[in-house]
Amino acid sequence: MKLSVLDLVSVVEGGTVRDALANSAAAAKVAEECGYQRYWVAEHHGMEGIASAAVSVVLAHIGHATSTIRIGSGGIMLPNHSPLVIAEQFGTLDALFPGRIDLGLGRAPGADQRIVRALRKDTNRAAEEFPADVVELQAQFAGDPRVPLQAVPGKDAKPQIWILGSSLFGAQLAAMLGLPYAFASHFAPRHLDEALRIYRERFEPSETLAQPYCAAAINVIAADTDEEAHLLASSMDQSFVALRTGTPGKLQPPVPNYRDDLPAPAIAMLESVRRVSAVGTVETVRKGLAAFAERTGADEIIAAASIFDQTARLRSLRLTMQAANGLVPA
């Protein structure tokens, strides 16, 4: 099983952005040692508990801490940016870490409506132009002479471009452009099966990709006991509840039996957004990954998790790979 990592670069309660960045670099090193395929970080804005707003800068930090694992964006929210600037940033990363850079592109803003005012641009209109901007980015990297201003760095760079999505739109675009596709089922599982079906059925081969290649994300927390894993997962539960109630903050310490005192609507929300999860021992996670792999037929599985304690986080990465290595293809 091909396994990758999505890291939100969480800032924990009592910690700093500097700590979060150091912890992510250390986690990427462990992921590389364990044999994960790639290590992605995602663009979020205005969130005290997430330190990955400047994705390209974070990737440079992680790139210098590692040597072989692919690193990239999961993703860059392209409506927030000029394709030229992203071509320059990822062209620079490709020059620093050749053959290792992924450029995952999404069309969500990565923040609430405050981002519209902060960026001083019409992000709704920019979202509508997302397909054209993806094509412009491809042209920048290809050195297409029709591009009015060539990105330098950028021209002739070869980052692997992915389309990301949590709805059906991204699946259709990835299929039309013949690009690899990743679905954010770790927090938006509703359209997972339909999106993958559409992507595969409508895929058009391209110079980039001869046949469909898709990844799907799942929340994974592995520990020595199921009880410990579920305790660790309570930090992630707290983050989901805080986000959905408009009070996002730093990642909180685990709380025993956290869900017991939640109101019914909050529990229902957690069961909905977290229903694509594998939390427990190596054996429990192995079964969860196997079921998810069978359900999706994904070429690659992306493990996502927010764990408060760094030691437990690194342990989870190692145990998750043990679980994946124990899966024997049929």
C-alpha atoms as a PDB file:
ATOM      1  CA  MET A   1       0.000   0.000   0.000  1.00  0.00           C
ATOM      2  CA  LYS A   2       1.281   3.455  -0.913  1.00  0.00           C
ATOM      3  CA  LEU A   3       0.866   5.691   2.105  1.00  0.00           C
ATOM      4  CA  SER A   4       1.408   9.447   2.381  1.00  0.00           C
ATOM      5  CA  VAL A   5       0.981  12.135   5.058  1.00  0.00           C
ATOM      6  CA  LEU A   6      -1.087  15.307   5.249  1.00  0.00           C
ATOM      7  CA  ASP A   7       0.157  17.651   7.977  1.00  0.00           C
ATOM      8  CA  LEU A   8      -1.769  20.730   9.169  1.00  0.00           C
ATOM      9  CA  VAL A   9       1.365  21.938  11.024  1.00  0.00           C
ATOM     10  CA  SER A  10      -0.669  22.239  14.207  1.00  0.00           C
ATOM     11  CA  VAL A  11       0.239  24.795  16.859  1.00  0.00           C
ATOM     12  CA  VAL A  12      -0.546  23.150  20.189  1.00  0.00           C
ATOM     13  CA  GLU A  13      -1.837  24.875  23.308  1.00  0.00           C
ATOM     14  CA  GLY A  14       1.222  26.207  25.137  1.00  0.00           C
ATOM     15  CA  GLY A  15       3.341  25.934  21.998  1.00  0.00           C
ATOM     16  CA  THR A  16       4.515  28.365  19.323  1.00  0.00           C
ATOM     17  CA  VAL A  17       4.616  28.532  15.552  1.00  0.00           C
ATOM     18  CA  ARG A  18       8.337  27.832  15.769  1.00  0.00           C
ATOM     19  CA  ASP A  19       7.606  24.659  17.747  1.00  0.00           C
ATOM     20  CA  ALA A  20       5.011  23.574  15.184  1.00  0.00           C
ATOM     21  CA  LEU A  21       7.433  24.006  12.302  1.00  0.00           C
ATOM     22  CA  ALA A  22      10.183  22.106  14.125  1.00  0.00           C
ATOM     23  CA  ASN A  23       7.754  19.303  14.969  1.00  0.00           C
ATOM     24  CA  SER A  24       6.605  19.025  11.344  1.00  0.00           C
ATOM     25  CA  ALA A  25      10.182  18.811  10.076  1.00  0.00           C
ATOM     26  CA  ALA A  26      10.875  16.039  12.601  1.00  0.00           C
ATOM     27  CA  ALA A  27       7.688  14.228  11.573  1.00  0.00           C
ATOM     28  CA  ALA A  28       8.665  14.470   7.906  1.00  0.00           C
ATOM     29  CA  LYS A  29      12.029  12.880   8.712  1.00  0.00           C
ATOM     30  CA  VAL A  30      10.290   9.988  10.442  1.00  0.00           C
ATOM     31  CA  ALA A  31       7.858   9.637   7.521  1.00  0.00           C
ATOM     32  CA  GLU A  32      10.829   9.453   5.158  1.00  0.00           C
ATOM     33  CA  GLU A  33      12.556   6.823   7.302  1.00  0.00           C
ATOM     34  CA  CYS A  34       9.371   4.743   7.423  1.00  0.00           C
ATOM     35  CA  GLY A  35       8.847   4.773   3.649  1.00  0.00           C
ATOM     36  CA  TYR A  36       5.890   7.125   3.179  1.00  0.00           C
ATOM     37  CA  GLN A  37       5.482   8.294  -0.420  1.00  0.00           C
ATOM     38  CA  ARG A  38       4.979  12.023   0.145  1.00  0.00           C
ATOM     39  CA  TYR A  39       4.515  14.648   2.851  1.00  0.00           C
ATOM     40  CA  TRP A  40       1.979  17.400   2.188  1.00  0.00           C
ATOM     41  CA  VAL A  41       0.988  20.576   4.001  1.00  0.00           C
ATOM     42  CA  ALA A  42      -2.144  22.634   3.370  1.00  0.00           C
ATOM     43  CA  GLU A  43      -2.873  26.341   3.028  1.00  0.00           C
ATOM     44  CA  HIS A  44      -5.042  27.813   5.799  1.00  0.00           C
ATOM     45  CA  HIS A  45      -5.348  31.446   6.823  1.00  0.00           C
ATOM     46  CA  GLY A  46      -6.184  33.314   9.999  1.00  0.00           C
ATOM     47  CA  MET A  47      -6.161  30.200  12.193  1.00  0.00           C
ATOM     48  CA  GLU A  48      -4.192  30.358  15.427  1.00  0.00           C
ATOM     49  CA  GLY A  49      -3.730  26.605  15.512  1.00  0.00           C
ATOM     50  CA  ILE A  50      -2.377  26.084  11.978  1.00  0.00           C
ATOM     51  CA  ALA A  51       1.087  27.284  10.949  1.00  0.00           C
ATOM     52  CA  SER A  52       1.044  26.362   7.250  1.00  0.00           C
ATOM     53  CA  ALA A  53      -0.338  29.580   5.722  1.00  0.00           C
ATOM     54  CA  ALA A  54       2.885  30.187   3.776  1.00  0.00           C
ATOM     55  CA  VAL A  55       2.979  26.749   2.186  1.00  0.00           C
ATOM     56  CA  SER A  56       6.034  27.222  -0.028  1.00  0.00           C
ATOM     57  CA  VAL A  57       8.116  28.518   2.899  1.00  0.00           C
ATOM     58  CA  VAL A  58       7.071  25.578   5.078  1.00  0.00           C
ATOM     59  CA  LEU A  59       7.949  23.171   2.267  1.00  0.00           C
ATOM     60  CA  ALA A  60      11.422  24.653   1.956  1.00  0.00           C
ATOM     61  CA  HIS A  61      11.892  24.057   5.685  1.00  0.00           C
ATOM     62  CA  ILE A  62      10.699  20.459   5.401  1.00  0.00           C
ATOM     63  CA  GLY A  63      12.707  19.882   2.246  1.00  0.00           C
ATOM     64  CA  HIS A  64      15.943  20.818   3.976  1.00  0.00           C
ATOM     65  CA  ALA A  65      15.105  18.430   6.826  1.00  0.00           C
ATOM     66  CA  THR A  66      14.620  15.484   4.436  1.00  0.00           C
ATOM     67  CA  SER A  67      16.351  14.095   1.373  1.00  0.00           C
ATOM     68  CA  THR A  68      14.187  11.632  -0.600  1.00  0.00           C
ATOM     69  CA  ILE A  69      10.499  11.844   0.315  1.00  0.00           C
ATOM     70  CA  ARG A  70       8.277  13.838  -2.027  1.00  0.00           C
ATOM     71  CA  ILE A  71       6.990  17.040  -0.450  1.00  0.00           C
ATOM     72  CA  GLY A  72       4.191  19.290  -1.579  1.00  0.00           C
ATOM     73  CA  SER A  73       0.975  21.179  -1.109  1.00  0.00           C
ATOM     74  CA  GLY A  74      -2.212  19.480  -0.140  1.00  0.00           C
ATOM     75  CA  GLY A  75      -2.953  22.071  -1.210  1.00  0.00           C
ATOM     76  CA  ILE A  76      -2.398  25.547  -2.536  1.00  0.00           C
ATOM     77  CA  MET A  77      -5.730  27.384  -2.737  1.00  0.00           C
ATOM     78  CA  LEU A  78      -5.174  28.793  -6.207  1.00  0.00           C
ATOM     79  CA  PRO A  79      -7.993  31.395  -6.203  1.00  0.00           C
ATOM     80  CA  ASN A  80      -6.007  33.224  -3.511  1.00  0.00           C
ATOM     81  CA  HIS A  81      -2.997  33.652  -5.782  1.00  0.00           C
ATOM     82  CA  SER A  82      -1.702  34.654  -9.165  1.00  0.00           C
ATOM     83  CA  PRO A  83      -0.624  31.602 -11.190  1.00  0.00           C
ATOM     84  CA  LEU A  84       2.601  33.483 -11.961  1.00  0.00           C
ATOM     85  CA  VAL A  85       3.504  33.750  -8.266  1.00  0.00           C
ATOM     86  CA  ILE A  86       2.757  30.080  -7.602  1.00  0.00           C
ATOM     87  CA  ALA A  87       4.830  29.127 -10.653  1.00  0.00           C
ATOM     88  CA  GLU A  88       7.718  31.167  -9.244  1.00  0.00           C
ATOM     89  CA  GLN A  89       7.396  29.662  -5.772  1.00  0.00           C
ATOM     90  CA  PHE A  90       7.136  26.058  -6.899  1.00  0.00           C
ATOM     91  CA  GLY A  91       9.716  26.602  -9.613  1.00  0.00           C
ATOM     92  CA  THR A  92      12.067  27.670  -6.828  1.00  0.00           C
ATOM     93  CA  LEU A  93      11.167  24.618  -4.749  1.00  0.00           C
ATOM     94  CA  ASP A  94      11.735  22.373  -7.766  1.00  0.00           C
ATOM     95  CA  ALA A  95      15.193  23.907  -8.224  1.00  0.00           C
ATOM     96  CA  LEU A  96      16.005  23.317  -4.543  1.00  0.00           C
ATOM     97  CA  PHE A  97      14.562  19.797  -4.374  1.00  0.00           C
ATOM     98  CA  PRO A  98      14.442  18.438  -7.940  1.00  0.00           C
ATOM     99  CA  GLY A  99      12.169  15.477  -8.541  1.00  0.00           C
ATOM    100  CA  ARG A 100      10.510  15.803  -5.129  1.00  0.00           C
ATOM    101  CA  ILE A 101       7.904  18.561  -5.466  1.00  0.00           C
ATOM    102  CA  ASP A 102       4.125  18.100  -5.672  1.00  0.00           C
ATOM    103  CA  LEU A 103       1.759  20.985  -6.370  1.00  0.00           C
ATOM    104  CA  GLY A 104      -1.718  20.080  -5.175  1.00  0.00           C
ATOM    105  CA  LEU A 105      -4.279  22.703  -6.199  1.00  0.00           C
ATOM    106  CA  GLY A 106      -7.658  23.464  -4.650  1.00  0.00           C
ATOM    107  CA  ARG A 107     -10.258  26.127  -5.323  1.00  0.00           C
ATOM    108  CA  ALA A 108     -11.518  26.740  -1.761  1.00  0.00           C
ATOM    109  CA  PRO A 109     -10.345  29.951  -0.035  1.00  0.00           C
ATOM    110  CA  GLY A 110      -8.711  28.242   2.947  1.00  0.00           C
ATOM    111  CA  ALA A 111     -10.446  30.651   5.340  1.00  0.00           C
ATOM    112  CA  ASP A 112     -13.775  32.356   5.966  1.00  0.00           C
ATOM    113  CA  GLN A 113     -15.014  35.460   4.140  1.00  0.00           C
ATOM    114  CA  ARG A 114     -12.433  37.634   5.884  1.00  0.00           C
ATOM    115  CA  ILE A 115      -9.929  36.287   3.357  1.00  0.00           C
ATOM    116  CA  VAL A 116     -11.767  38.194   0.609  1.00  0.00           C
ATOM    117  CA  ARG A 117     -11.057  41.517   2.275  1.00  0.00           C
ATOM    118  CA  ALA A 118      -7.553  40.567   3.370  1.00  0.00           C
ATOM    119  CA  LEU A 119      -6.477  39.484  -0.118  1.00  0.00           C
ATOM    120  CA  ARG A 120      -8.204  42.460  -1.756  1.00  0.00           C
ATOM    121  CA  LYS A 121      -9.538  40.310  -4.554  1.00  0.00           C
ATOM    122  CA  ASP A 122     -12.786  38.718  -5.660  1.00  0.00           C
ATOM    123  CA  THR A 123     -12.160  35.131  -4.589  1.00  0.00           C
ATOM    124  CA  ASN A 124     -15.596  34.007  -5.800  1.00  0.00           C
ATOM    125  CA  ARG A 125     -14.752  35.097  -9.317  1.00  0.00           C
ATOM    126  CA  ALA A 126     -11.254  33.662  -8.919  1.00  0.00           C
ATOM    127  CA  ALA A 127     -12.776  30.313  -7.977  1.00  0.00           C
ATOM    128  CA  GLU A 128     -14.746  30.364 -11.233  1.00  0.00           C
ATOM    129  CA  GLU A 129     -11.470  30.941 -13.082  1.00  0.00           C
ATOM    130  CA  PHE A 130      -9.765  28.042 -11.303  1.00  0.00           C
ATOM    131  CA  PRO A 131      -9.682  25.714 -14.360  1.00  0.00           C
ATOM    132  CA  ALA A 132      -8.117  28.443 -16.531  1.00  0.00           C
ATOM    133  CA  ASP A 133      -5.570  29.227 -13.816  1.00  0.00           C
ATOM    134  CA  VAL A 134      -4.560  25.561 -13.602  1.00  0.00           C
ATOM    135  CA  VAL A 135      -3.982  25.526 -17.363  1.00  0.00           C
ATOM    136  CA  GLU A 136      -1.984  28.761 -17.084  1.00  0.00           C
ATOM    137  CA  LEU A 137       0.203  27.181 -14.424  1.00  0.00           C
ATOM    138  CA  GLN A 138       0.861  24.197 -16.666  1.00  0.00           C
ATOM    139  CA  ALA A 139       1.808  26.602 -19.453  1.00  0.00           C
ATOM    140  CA  GLN A 140       4.194  28.460 -17.133  1.00  0.00           C
ATOM    141  CA  PHE A 141       6.060  25.304 -16.197  1.00  0.00           C
ATOM    142  CA  ALA A 142       6.135  24.195 -19.839  1.00  0.00           C
ATOM    143  CA  GLY A 143       7.624  27.515 -20.966  1.00  0.00           C
ATOM    144  CA  ASP A 144       4.726  28.076 -23.366  1.00  0.00           C
ATOM    145  CA  PRO A 145       5.623  31.177 -25.461  1.00  0.00           C
ATOM    146  CA  ARG A 146       1.973  32.287 -25.408  1.00  0.00           C
ATOM    147  CA  VAL A 147       2.311  33.178 -21.716  1.00  0.00           C
ATOM    148  CA  PRO A 148       2.844  36.972 -21.593  1.00  0.00           C
ATOM    149  CA  LEU A 149       5.388  36.862 -18.739  1.00  0.00           C
ATOM    150  CA  GLN A 150       7.497  33.797 -18.100  1.00  0.00           C
ATOM    151  CA  ALA A 151       7.954  32.703 -14.491  1.00  0.00           C
ATOM    152  CA  VAL A 152      11.614  32.639 -13.477  1.00  0.00           C
ATOM    153  CA  PRO A 153      12.100  30.380 -11.583  1.00  0.00           C
ATOM    154  CA  GLY A 154       9.264  28.317 -12.968  1.00  0.00           C
ATOM    155  CA  LYS A 155       9.924  27.794 -16.657  1.00  0.00           C
ATOM    156  CA  ASP A 156      10.924  24.159 -17.301  1.00  0.00           C
ATOM    157  CA  ALA A 157      10.276  23.223 -13.663  1.00  0.00           C
ATOM    158  CA  LYS A 158       8.594  19.859 -13.193  1.00  0.00           C
ATOM    159  CA  PRO A 159       6.489  19.761 -10.047  1.00  0.00           C
ATOM    160  CA  GLN A 160       3.830  17.067 -10.137  1.00  0.00           C
ATOM    161  CA  ILE A 161       0.490  18.865 -10.375  1.00  0.00           C
ATOM    162  CA  TRP A 162      -2.506  17.364  -8.568  1.00  0.00           C
ATOM    163  CA  ILE A 163      -6.121  18.490  -8.402  1.00  0.00           C
ATOM    164  CA  LEU A 164      -7.605  18.332  -4.924  1.00  0.00           C
ATOM    165  CA  GLY A 165     -11.271  18.245  -4.048  1.00  0.00           C
ATOM    166  CA  SER A 166     -14.021  17.603  -1.533  1.00  0.00           C
ATOM    167  CA  SER A 167     -16.855  17.749  -4.077  1.00  0.00           C
ATOM    168  CA  LEU A 168     -17.469  16.545  -7.625  1.00  0.00           C
ATOM    169  CA  PHE A 169     -16.011  19.598  -9.377  1.00  0.00           C
ATOM    170  CA  GLY A 170     -12.367  18.714  -8.780  1.00  0.00           C
ATOM    171  CA  ALA A 171     -12.932  15.150  -9.962  1.00  0.00           C
ATOM    172  CA  GLN A 172     -14.328  16.403 -13.258  1.00  0.00           C
ATOM    173  CA  LEU A 173     -11.489  18.876 -13.769  1.00  0.00           C
ATOM    174  CA  ALA A 174      -8.764  16.367 -12.920  1.00  0.00           C
ATOM    175  CA  ALA A 175     -10.298  13.880 -15.337  1.00  0.00           C
ATOM    176  CA  MET A 176     -10.583  16.447 -18.123  1.00  0.00           C
ATOM    177  CA  LEU A 177      -6.963  17.609 -17.728  1.00  0.00           C
ATOM    178  CA  GLY A 178      -5.555  14.125 -17.222  1.00  0.00           C
ATOM    179  CA  LEU A 179      -4.053  14.936 -13.816  1.00  0.00           C
ATOM    180  CA  PRO A 180      -3.780  12.915 -10.594  1.00  0.00           C
ATOM    181  CA  TYR A 181      -6.604  13.549  -8.135  1.00  0.00           C
ATOM    182  CA  ALA A 182      -6.785  13.571  -4.335  1.00  0.00           C
ATOM    183  CA  PHE A 183     -10.034  13.601  -2.369  1.00  0.00           C
ATOM    184  CA  ALA A 184     -10.320  15.209   1.086  1.00  0.00           C
ATOM    185  CA  SER A 185     -12.405  12.448   2.652  1.00  0.00           C
ATOM    186  CA  HIS A 186     -10.714  12.960   6.034  1.00  0.00           C
ATOM    187  CA  PHE A 187     -13.063  15.887   6.685  1.00  0.00           C
ATOM    188  CA  ALA A 188     -15.604  15.830   3.834  1.00  0.00           C
ATOM    189  CA  PRO A 189     -16.425  12.182   3.087  1.00  0.00           C
ATOM    190  CA  ARG A 190     -19.909  12.726   1.660  1.00  0.00           C
ATOM    191  CA  HIS A 191     -18.993  12.687  -2.050  1.00  0.00           C
ATOM    192  CA  LEU A 192     -15.991  10.349  -1.846  1.00  0.00           C
ATOM    193  CA  ASP A 193     -17.337   7.379  -3.812  1.00  0.00           C
ATOM    194  CA  GLU A 194     -19.094   9.448  -6.462  1.00  0.00           C
ATOM    195  CA  ALA A 195     -16.072  11.694  -6.987  1.00  0.00           C
ATOM    196  CA  LEU A 196     -13.721   8.758  -7.529  1.00  0.00           C
ATOM    197  CA  ARG A 197     -16.212   7.120  -9.896  1.00  0.00           C
ATOM    198  CA  ILE A 198     -16.542  10.283 -11.983  1.00  0.00           C
ATOM    199  CA  TYR A 199     -12.784  10.782 -12.076  1.00  0.00           C
ATOM    200  CA  ARG A 200     -12.128   7.269 -13.328  1.00  0.00           C
ATOM    201  CA  GLU A 201     -14.980   7.178 -15.829  1.00  0.00           C
ATOM    202  CA  ARG A 202     -14.220  10.557 -17.396  1.00  0.00           C
ATOM    203  CA  PHE A 203     -10.425  10.461 -17.278  1.00  0.00           C
ATOM    204  CA  GLU A 204      -8.709  11.602 -20.471  1.00  0.00           C
ATOM    205  CA  PRO A 205      -5.067  10.523 -20.901  1.00  0.00           C
ATOM    206  CA  SER A 206      -2.571  13.373 -21.109  1.00  0.00           C
ATOM    207  CA  GLU A 207       1.156  13.928 -21.498  1.00  0.00           C
ATOM    208  CA  THR A 208       1.236  13.941 -17.711  1.00  0.00           C
ATOM    209  CA  LEU A 209      -0.693  10.769 -17.006  1.00  0.00           C
ATOM    210  CA  ALA A 210      -1.717   7.811 -19.152  1.00  0.00           C
ATOM    211  CA  GLN A 211      -4.342   6.419 -16.782  1.00  0.00           C
ATOM    212  CA  PRO A 212      -6.228   7.609 -13.685  1.00  0.00           C
ATOM    213  CA  TYR A 213      -4.270   7.962 -10.471  1.00  0.00           C
ATOM    214  CA  CYS A 214      -6.163   8.887  -7.332  1.00  0.00           C
ATOM    215  CA  ALA A 215      -5.468   9.303  -3.648  1.00  0.00           C
ATOM    216  CA  ALA A 216      -7.953   9.502  -0.790  1.00  0.00           C
ATOM    217  CA  ALA A 217      -7.404  10.859   2.708  1.00  0.00           C
ATOM    218  CA  ILE A 218      -8.344   9.177   5.983  1.00  0.00           C
ATOM    219  CA  ASN A 219      -7.875  10.176   9.619  1.00  0.00           C
ATOM    220  CA  VAL A 220      -5.371   7.767  11.135  1.00  0.00           C
ATOM    221  CA  ILE A 221      -4.155   7.623  14.726  1.00  0.00           C
ATOM    222  CA  ALA A 222      -2.288   4.530  15.862  1.00  0.00           C
ATOM    223  CA  ALA A 223      -1.159   3.730  19.402  1.00  0.00           C
ATOM    224  CA  ASP A 224      -0.289   0.743  21.573  1.00  0.00           C
ATOM    225  CA  THR A 225      -3.912   0.356  22.705  1.00  0.00           C
ATOM    226  CA  ASP A 226      -7.272   1.312  21.254  1.00  0.00           C
ATOM    227  CA  GLU A 227      -7.988   3.339  24.382  1.00  0.00           C
ATOM    228  CA  GLU A 228      -4.823   5.413  24.011  1.00  0.00           C
ATOM    229  CA  ALA A 229      -5.520   6.052  20.331  1.00  0.00           C
ATOM    230  CA  HIS A 230      -9.050   7.270  21.033  1.00  0.00           C
ATOM    231  CA  LEU A 231      -7.723   9.517  23.798  1.00  0.00           C
ATOM    232  CA  LEU A 232      -5.201  11.034  21.376  1.00  0.00           C
ATOM    233  CA  ALA A 233      -7.991  11.498  18.826  1.00  0.00           C
ATOM    234  CA  SER A 234      -9.933  13.678  21.268  1.00  0.00           C
ATOM    235  CA  SER A 235      -7.610  16.576  20.391  1.00  0.00           C
ATOM    236  CA  MET A 236      -8.733  16.298  16.783  1.00  0.00           C
ATOM    237  CA  ASP A 237     -12.361  16.059  17.896  1.00  0.00           C
ATOM    238  CA  GLN A 238     -11.968  19.257  19.882  1.00  0.00           C
ATOM    239  CA  SER A 239     -10.559  20.999  16.805  1.00  0.00           C
ATOM    240  CA  PHE A 240     -13.522  19.954  14.644  1.00  0.00           C
ATOM    241  CA  VAL A 241     -16.011  21.140  17.265  1.00  0.00           C
ATOM    242  CA  ALA A 242     -14.193  24.450  17.728  1.00  0.00           C
ATOM    243  CA  LEU A 243     -14.065  25.039  13.986  1.00  0.00           C
ATOM    244  CA  ARG A 244     -17.742  24.228  13.432  1.00  0.00           C
ATOM    245  CA  THR A 245     -18.794  26.505  16.308  1.00  0.00           C
ATOM    246  CA  GLY A 246     -16.727  29.431  15.044  1.00  0.00           C
ATOM    247  CA  THR A 247     -14.102  29.289  17.798  1.00  0.00           C
ATOM    248  CA  PRO A 248     -10.991  27.725  16.218  1.00  0.00           C
ATOM    249  CA  GLY A 249      -7.822  27.890  18.254  1.00  0.00           C
ATOM    250  CA  LYS A 250      -4.685  25.982  19.099  1.00  0.00           C
ATOM    251  CA  LEU A 251      -4.709  22.190  19.242  1.00  0.00           C
ATOM    252  CA  GLN A 252      -5.854  21.173  22.727  1.00  0.00           C
ATOM    253  CA  PRO A 253      -4.536  18.394  24.987  1.00  0.00           C
ATOM    254  CA  PRO A 254      -6.457  15.111  24.943  1.00  0.00           C
ATOM    255  CA  VAL A 255      -9.545  14.883  27.150  1.00  0.00           C
ATOM    256  CA  PRO A 256     -10.676  11.477  28.474  1.00  0.00           C
ATOM    257  CA  ASN A 257     -14.210  10.601  27.389  1.00  0.00           C
ATOM    258  CA  TYR A 258     -14.465  13.936  25.566  1.00  0.00           C
ATOM    259  CA  ARG A 259     -17.574  13.017  23.595  1.00  0.00           C
ATOM    260  CA  ASP A 260     -19.537  11.985  26.692  1.00  0.00           C
ATOM    261  CA  ASP A 261     -20.343  15.584  27.624  1.00  0.00           C
ATOM    262  CA  LEU A 262     -21.042  16.880  24.128  1.00  0.00           C
ATOM    263  CA  PRO A 263     -24.549  17.811  22.996  1.00  0.00           C
ATOM    264  CA  ALA A 264     -26.169  15.487  20.482  1.00  0.00           C
ATOM    265  CA  PRO A 265     -25.687  17.826  17.462  1.00  0.00           C
ATOM    266  CA  ALA A 266     -21.930  18.019  18.127  1.00  0.00           C
ATOM    267  CA  ILE A 267     -21.660  14.244  18.396  1.00  0.00           C
ATOM    268  CA  ALA A 268     -23.591  13.834  15.152  1.00  0.00           C
ATOM    269  CA  MET A 269     -21.279  16.317  13.431  1.00  0.00           C
ATOM    270  CA  LEU A 270     -18.194  14.463  14.622  1.00  0.00           C
ATOM    271  CA  GLU A 271     -19.572  11.115  13.510  1.00  0.00           C
ATOM    272  CA  SER A 272     -20.248  12.627  10.091  1.00  0.00           C
ATOM    273  CA  VAL A 273     -16.927  14.363   9.428  1.00  0.00           C
ATOM    274  CA  ARG A 274     -14.849  11.664  11.127  1.00  0.00           C
ATOM    275  CA  ARG A 275     -16.531   8.595   9.671  1.00  0.00           C
ATOM    276  CA  VAL A 276     -13.524   8.016   7.389  1.00  0.00           C
ATOM    277  CA  SER A 277     -11.087   7.159  10.160  1.00  0.00           C
ATOM    278  CA  ALA A 278      -8.849   4.386  11.463  1.00  0.00           C
ATOM    279  CA  VAL A 279      -8.059   4.872  15.148  1.00  0.00           C
ATOM    280  CA  GLY A 280      -6.551   2.214  17.408  1.00  0.00           C
ATOM    281  CA  THR A 281      -3.808  -0.391  17.606  1.00  0.00           C
ATOM    282  CA  VAL A 282      -1.783  -1.577  14.628  1.00  0.00           C
ATOM    283  CA  GLU A 283      -4.326  -4.350  14.063  1.00  0.00           C
ATOM    284  CA  THR A 284      -7.276  -1.959  14.313  1.00  0.00           C
ATOM    285  CA  VAL A 285      -5.629   0.500  11.927  1.00  0.00           C
ATOM    286  CA  ARG A 286      -4.702  -2.322   9.556  1.00  0.00           C
ATOM    287  CA  LYS A 287      -8.345  -3.348   9.315  1.00  0.00           C
ATOM    288  CA  GLY A 288      -9.431   0.270   8.852  1.00  0.00           C
ATOM    289  CA  LEU A 289      -6.915   0.913   6.094  1.00  0.00           C
ATOM    290  CA  ALA A 290      -7.784  -2.364   4.373  1.00  0.00           C
ATOM    291  CA  ALA A 291     -11.498  -1.537   4.387  1.00  0.00           C
ATOM    292  CA  PHE A 292     -10.807   1.974   3.088  1.00  0.00           C
ATOM    293  CA  ALA A 293      -8.518   0.660   0.353  1.00  0.00           C
ATOM    294  CA  GLU A 294     -11.117  -1.894  -0.713  1.00  0.00           C
ATOM    295  CA  ARG A 295     -13.887   0.714  -0.709  1.00  0.00           C
ATOM    296  CA  THR A 296     -12.001   3.340  -2.728  1.00  0.00           C
ATOM    297  CA  GLY A 297      -9.563   1.347  -4.849  1.00  0.00           C
ATOM    298  CA  ALA A 298      -7.265   4.345  -4.328  1.00  0.00           C
ATOM    299  CA  ASP A 299      -3.767   4.152  -5.758  1.00  0.00           C
ATOM    300  CA  GLU A 300      -2.536   5.912  -2.649  1.00  0.00           C
ATOM    301  CA  ILE A 301      -3.891   6.608   0.828  1.00  0.00           C
ATOM    302  CA  ILE A 302      -3.164   9.875   2.617  1.00  0.00           C
ATOM    303  CA  ALA A 303      -3.031   9.655   6.404  1.00  0.00           C
ATOM    304  CA  ALA A 304      -4.170  12.787   8.219  1.00  0.00           C
ATOM    305  CA  ALA A 305      -4.051  13.370  11.964  1.00  0.00           C
ATOM    306  CA  SER A 306      -3.665  16.123  14.540  1.00  0.00           C
ATOM    307  CA  ILE A 307      -1.961  14.747  17.661  1.00  0.00           C
ATOM    308  CA  PHE A 308      -1.097  16.974  20.612  1.00  0.00           C
ATOM    309  CA  ASP A 309       1.987  15.140  21.871  1.00  0.00           C
ATOM    310  CA  GLN A 310       4.921  15.013  19.463  1.00  0.00           C
ATOM    311  CA  THR A 311       6.234  11.687  20.777  1.00  0.00           C
ATOM    312  CA  ALA A 312       2.818  10.102  20.320  1.00  0.00           C
ATOM    313  CA  ARG A 313       2.591  11.656  16.866  1.00  0.00           C
ATOM    314  CA  LEU A 314       5.865  10.103  15.713  1.00  0.00           C
ATOM    315  CA  ARG A 315       4.859   6.786  17.268  1.00  0.00           C
ATOM    316  CA  SER A 316       1.584   6.924  15.351  1.00  0.00           C
ATOM    317  CA  LEU A 317       3.435   7.467  12.068  1.00  0.00           C
ATOM    318  CA  ARG A 318       5.605   4.412  12.699  1.00  0.00           C
ATOM    319  CA  LEU A 319       2.721   2.202  13.788  1.00  0.00           C
ATOM    320  CA  THR A 320       0.572   3.307  10.845  1.00  0.00           C
ATOM    321  CA  MET A 321       3.264   2.217   8.423  1.00  0.00           C
ATOM    322  CA  GLN A 322       3.512  -1.099  10.252  1.00  0.00           C
ATOM    323  CA  ALA A 323      -0.221  -1.492   9.726  1.00  0.00           C
ATOM    324  CA  ALA A 324       0.083  -0.659   6.018  1.00  0.00           C
ATOM    325  CA  ASN A 325       2.991  -3.039   5.536  1.00  0.00           C
ATOM    326  CA  GLY A 326       0.876  -5.814   7.014  1.00  0.00           C
ATOM    327  CA  LEU A 327      -1.687  -5.534   4.244  1.00  0.00           C
ATOM    328  CA  VAL A 328      -1.098  -8.201   1.613  1.00  0.00           C
ATOM    329  CA  PRO A 329      -2.576  -7.429  -1.831  1.00  0.00           C
ATOM    330  CA  ALA A 330      -5.205  -9.896  -3.004  1.00  0.00           C
END
